[in-house]
Protein backbone atom coordinates (compact mmCIF):
# COMPACT_ATOMS: atom_id res chain seq x y z
CA MET A 1 -7.57 20.15 -10.75
CA GLN A 2 -7.89 22.26 -13.83
CA ASP A 3 -7.23 25.99 -13.76
CA GLY A 4 -7.13 25.75 -9.95
CA LYS A 5 -10.56 24.08 -9.82
CA LEU A 6 -11.11 20.60 -8.47
CA LEU A 7 -12.56 18.14 -10.95
CA LYS A 8 -14.69 16.15 -8.49
CA GLY A 9 -15.25 13.30 -10.91
CA LEU A 10 -11.52 12.55 -10.83
CA CYS A 11 -11.20 12.24 -7.05
CA GLY A 12 -10.54 8.72 -5.96
CA LYS A 13 -7.97 6.04 -5.33
CA VAL A 14 -6.35 3.47 -7.53
CA GLU A 15 -7.27 0.54 -5.33
CA ILE A 16 -5.50 -2.74 -5.89
CA ASP A 17 -6.49 -6.12 -4.46
CA LYS A 18 -4.21 -6.68 -1.45
CA ASP A 19 -4.47 -10.46 -1.86
CA LYS A 20 -2.50 -10.33 -5.12
CA LYS A 21 1.26 -10.84 -5.21
CA PHE A 22 3.25 -7.64 -4.87
CA GLY A 23 4.48 -7.74 -8.48
CA GLU A 24 0.90 -8.11 -9.73
CA ARG A 25 -0.20 -5.14 -7.62
CA VAL A 26 2.62 -2.96 -8.96
CA PHE A 27 1.86 -3.97 -12.56
CA GLU A 28 -1.88 -3.33 -12.12
CA PHE A 29 -1.22 0.05 -10.47
CA GLU A 30 0.98 1.11 -13.39
CA SER A 31 -1.55 -0.07 -15.96
CA ARG A 32 -4.51 1.65 -14.31
CA LEU A 33 -2.66 4.89 -13.58
CA LYS A 34 -1.33 5.07 -17.15
CA LYS A 35 -4.90 4.86 -18.48
CA ILE A 36 -5.96 7.70 -16.17
CA VAL A 37 -3.02 9.89 -17.22
CA ILE A 38 -3.50 9.24 -20.94
CA LYS A 39 -7.24 9.91 -20.68
CA ASN A 40 -6.94 13.14 -18.66
CA LYS A 41 -3.68 14.55 -20.11
CA PRO A 42 -2.48 16.46 -17.03
CA ASP A 43 0.27 19.06 -17.35
CA LEU A 44 1.98 17.69 -14.26
CA ILE A 45 1.79 14.82 -11.80
CA ILE A 46 2.03 15.91 -8.17
CA ILE A 47 2.82 13.22 -5.63
CA GLU A 48 3.21 13.01 -1.88
CA ASP A 49 6.88 12.78 -0.99
CA VAL A 50 8.03 9.54 0.61
CA TYR A 51 8.27 9.47 4.37
CA CYS A 52 9.90 6.84 6.53
CA LYS A 53 7.43 5.73 9.17
CA ASN A 54 8.87 2.24 8.97
CA VAL A 55 11.28 0.60 6.57
CA LEU A 56 8.77 -1.77 4.94
CA THR A 57 6.33 1.08 4.22
CA PHE A 58 9.21 3.18 2.88
CA LYS A 59 10.30 0.41 0.49
CA VAL A 60 6.76 -0.14 -0.81
CA LEU A 61 6.19 3.59 -1.31
CA CYS A 62 9.49 3.87 -3.17
CA MET A 63 8.41 1.13 -5.60
CA PHE A 64 5.15 2.93 -6.35
CA HIS A 65 6.94 6.29 -6.61
CA GLY A 66 9.27 4.73 -9.17
CA ILE A 67 6.24 3.69 -11.22
CA VAL A 68 4.81 7.23 -11.05
CA PHE A 69 8.17 8.76 -11.98
CA LYS A 70 8.55 6.42 -14.96
CA LEU A 71 4.97 7.05 -16.06
CA SER A 72 5.44 10.81 -15.81
CA TRP A 73 8.44 10.56 -18.14
CA ASP A 74 6.81 8.06 -20.51
CA VAL A 75 3.64 10.11 -20.98
CA LEU A 76 4.40 13.71 -19.98
CA LYS A 77 8.16 13.85 -20.64
CA LYS A 78 8.78 15.57 -17.29
CA ASP A 79 9.52 14.79 -13.66
CA PRO A 80 6.62 14.60 -11.25
CA PHE A 81 6.53 17.24 -8.51
CA TYR A 82 7.04 15.88 -4.97
CA MET A 83 5.61 17.61 -1.90
CA LYS A 84 5.62 16.60 1.74
CA THR A 85 2.25 16.64 3.49
CA SER A 86 3.80 18.81 6.21
CA LEU A 87 4.67 21.47 3.60
CA ALA A 88 1.18 21.26 2.08
CA ARG A 89 -0.35 21.80 5.54
CA LYS A 90 1.94 24.77 6.15
CA ILE A 91 1.09 26.38 2.80
CA LEU A 92 -2.65 25.87 3.38
CA GLY A 93 -2.47 26.95 7.02
CA VAL A 94 -3.96 23.79 8.51
CA LYS A 95 -2.80 21.38 11.20
CA GLY A 96 -2.92 17.59 11.17
CA LYS A 97 -4.82 15.10 9.06
CA ASP A 98 -8.12 16.22 10.63
CA GLY A 99 -7.40 19.82 9.64
CA VAL A 100 -6.57 18.79 6.08
CA PHE A 101 -9.75 16.72 5.84
CA ASP A 102 -11.92 19.58 7.12
CA PHE A 103 -10.19 22.15 4.89
CA VAL A 104 -10.55 20.09 1.71
CA THR A 105 -14.13 18.87 2.27
CA ASN A 106 -15.28 22.42 3.13
CA CYS A 107 -13.27 24.24 0.45
CA TYR A 108 -14.33 21.92 -2.36
CA LYS A 109 -17.80 21.12 -0.96
CA LEU A 110 -17.18 17.38 -0.97
CA LYS A 111 -20.30 15.59 0.25
CA GLY A 112 -20.36 12.02 1.50
CA PHE A 113 -16.65 11.92 2.39
CA THR A 114 -15.73 10.39 5.74
CA PHE A 115 -12.40 10.75 7.49
CA GLU A 116 -12.04 6.99 7.94
CA GLN A 117 -12.62 6.19 4.26
CA ASP A 118 -11.38 9.26 2.43
CA ASN A 119 -8.56 10.99 4.36
CA ASP A 120 -5.95 9.72 1.89
CA ILE A 121 -7.93 11.31 -0.95
CA THR A 122 -8.22 14.62 0.92
CA ASP A 123 -4.47 14.53 1.64
CA SER A 124 -3.84 14.19 -2.10
CA ILE A 125 -6.22 17.01 -2.94
CA ALA A 126 -4.51 19.18 -0.31
CA ILE A 127 -1.11 18.53 -1.88
CA GLY A 128 -2.49 19.61 -5.27
CA ALA A 129 -4.13 22.70 -3.76
CA ALA A 130 -0.91 23.59 -1.91
CA TYR A 131 1.07 23.26 -5.13
CA PHE A 132 -1.22 25.71 -6.92
CA LYS A 133 -1.16 28.11 -3.97
CA LYS A 134 2.67 27.91 -3.88
CA VAL A 135 2.84 28.68 -7.61
CA GLU A 136 0.37 31.53 -7.16
CA LEU A 137 2.37 33.01 -4.25
CA ASN A 138 5.88 32.40 -5.56
CA GLY A 139 5.46 32.02 -9.28
CA GLU A 140 7.35 28.73 -8.94
CA ASP A 141 6.54 25.44 -10.54
CA LYS A 142 9.72 23.57 -9.72
CA LYS A 143 10.90 22.07 -6.49
CA PRO A 144 13.84 24.03 -5.14
CA ALA A 145 17.15 22.21 -5.08
CA ARG A 146 17.95 20.65 -1.74
CA SER A 147 20.82 22.14 0.15
CA ASN A 148 23.41 19.88 1.71
CA LYS A 149 25.31 22.12 4.09
CA LYS A 150 27.46 19.29 5.43
CA ALA A 151 28.80 18.41 1.98
CA ARG A 152 29.38 22.03 0.95
CA GLY A 153 33.03 22.96 0.88
CA ARG A 154 34.28 19.54 1.91
CA VAL A 155 36.99 18.00 -0.21
CA ARG A 156 38.17 14.43 0.23
CA LYS A 157 41.68 13.43 -0.58
CA ASN A 158 42.35 9.87 -1.54
CA ASN A 159 45.86 8.93 -0.42
């Protein structure tokens, strides 16, 4: 997105051959994403926050998030912005992956997209759109600090 407008030519996935070893896939992802970031010079990288559907998926996502975080610092000199898909849906006023897909394809007039092939792309677009709407509504561009109520006020004594 640029000035709140979707740049349709930049919608897509960084697809990596699943038959390669994991280290090769991570290296290729970093290399390809770095070229995209250098070429397009974004002000900010917005990424879907990690969720824990299962431990293996969580570990893989964390590896790729680490690459994105490092790349954001190497190229942009700032943290990426993380947003949960549930928050993006709430901000945009849609429900479920189907709702996100319909919202994004209608809002941005995306032709030829299918839910089966492109719902990950529309999720990403929705996260970007939600970020811009959040900034527009709140004037914020930083993730609020997380509150840890359990830890607040607790002091441990080591005897």
